[in-house]
Amino acid sequence: MLQLLGEGCSNRELAERLFLTRKTVEHHVHNVLVKLGLRNRAEAAAYAVRHLRPERATG
């Protein structure tokens, strides 16, 4: 879910991609924000970019 938040997906888009209701997605998004100590979706997106991006291959 954090990856999709990082991509800027709305709750509606998350619900469609994950086959969940929008209400369920709202709860999950809230729980992700609380667990990570983030205030909003923008902070979640920034967190996702910093922590979920694979390292670039060198060579």
Protein backbone atom coordinates (compact mmCIF):
# COMPACT_ATOMS: atom_id res chain seq x y z
CA MET A 1 0.00 0.00 0.00
CA LEU A 2 2.83 2.42 0.80
CA GLN A 3 4.26 1.90 -2.67
CA LEU A 4 0.92 2.88 -4.22
CA LEU A 5 0.67 5.92 -1.93
CA GLY A 6 4.12 6.88 -3.14
CA GLU A 7 2.86 6.68 -6.70
CA GLY A 8 0.16 9.18 -5.78
CA CYS A 9 -2.84 6.86 -5.97
CA SER A 10 -6.11 8.13 -4.55
CA ASN A 11 -8.19 6.03 -2.16
CA ARG A 12 -10.46 5.15 -5.08
CA GLU A 13 -7.49 3.98 -7.16
CA LEU A 14 -6.09 2.00 -4.24
CA ALA A 15 -9.45 0.32 -3.69
CA GLU A 16 -9.69 -0.66 -7.36
CA ARG A 17 -6.12 -1.99 -7.54
CA LEU A 18 -6.34 -3.91 -4.26
CA PHE A 19 -9.93 -5.11 -4.67
CA LEU A 20 -11.00 -3.46 -1.41
CA THR A 21 -13.72 -1.01 -0.51
CA ARG A 22 -12.82 2.67 -0.27
CA LYS A 23 -13.69 2.61 3.44
CA THR A 24 -11.25 -0.26 4.04
CA VAL A 25 -8.56 1.65 2.15
CA GLU A 26 -9.22 4.75 4.27
CA HIS A 27 -8.62 2.68 7.42
CA HIS A 28 -5.45 1.12 6.02
CA VAL A 29 -4.05 4.48 4.88
CA HIS A 30 -4.77 5.94 8.31
CA ASN A 31 -3.03 3.00 10.00
CA VAL A 32 0.02 3.33 7.74
CA LEU A 33 0.30 7.04 8.55
CA VAL A 34 -0.03 6.42 12.29
CA LYS A 35 2.42 3.51 12.34
CA LEU A 36 5.07 5.50 10.46
CA GLY A 37 4.42 8.72 12.39
CA LEU A 38 3.45 10.64 9.25
CA ARG A 39 0.95 13.48 9.10
CA ASN A 40 -0.45 13.14 5.59
CA ARG A 41 -0.30 11.43 2.20
CA ALA A 42 2.40 13.79 0.97
CA GLU A 43 4.70 12.68 3.78
CA ALA A 44 3.81 9.07 3.01
CA ALA A 45 4.73 9.58 -0.64
CA ALA A 46 8.07 11.14 0.32
CA TYR A 47 8.72 8.30 2.79
CA ALA A 48 7.95 5.72 0.10
CA VAL A 49 10.35 7.36 -2.35
CA ARG A 50 13.13 7.44 0.23
CA HIS A 51 12.65 3.94 1.65
CA LEU A 52 11.10 1.75 -1.02
CA ARG A 53 13.07 2.75 -4.09
CA PRO A 54 15.45 -0.02 -5.15
CA GLU A 55 19.12 0.86 -5.21
CA ARG A 56 20.42 1.75 -8.63
CA ALA A 57 22.58 -0.90 -10.19
CA THR A 58 26.09 0.23 -10.92
CA GLY A 59 28.05 -1.00 -13.79
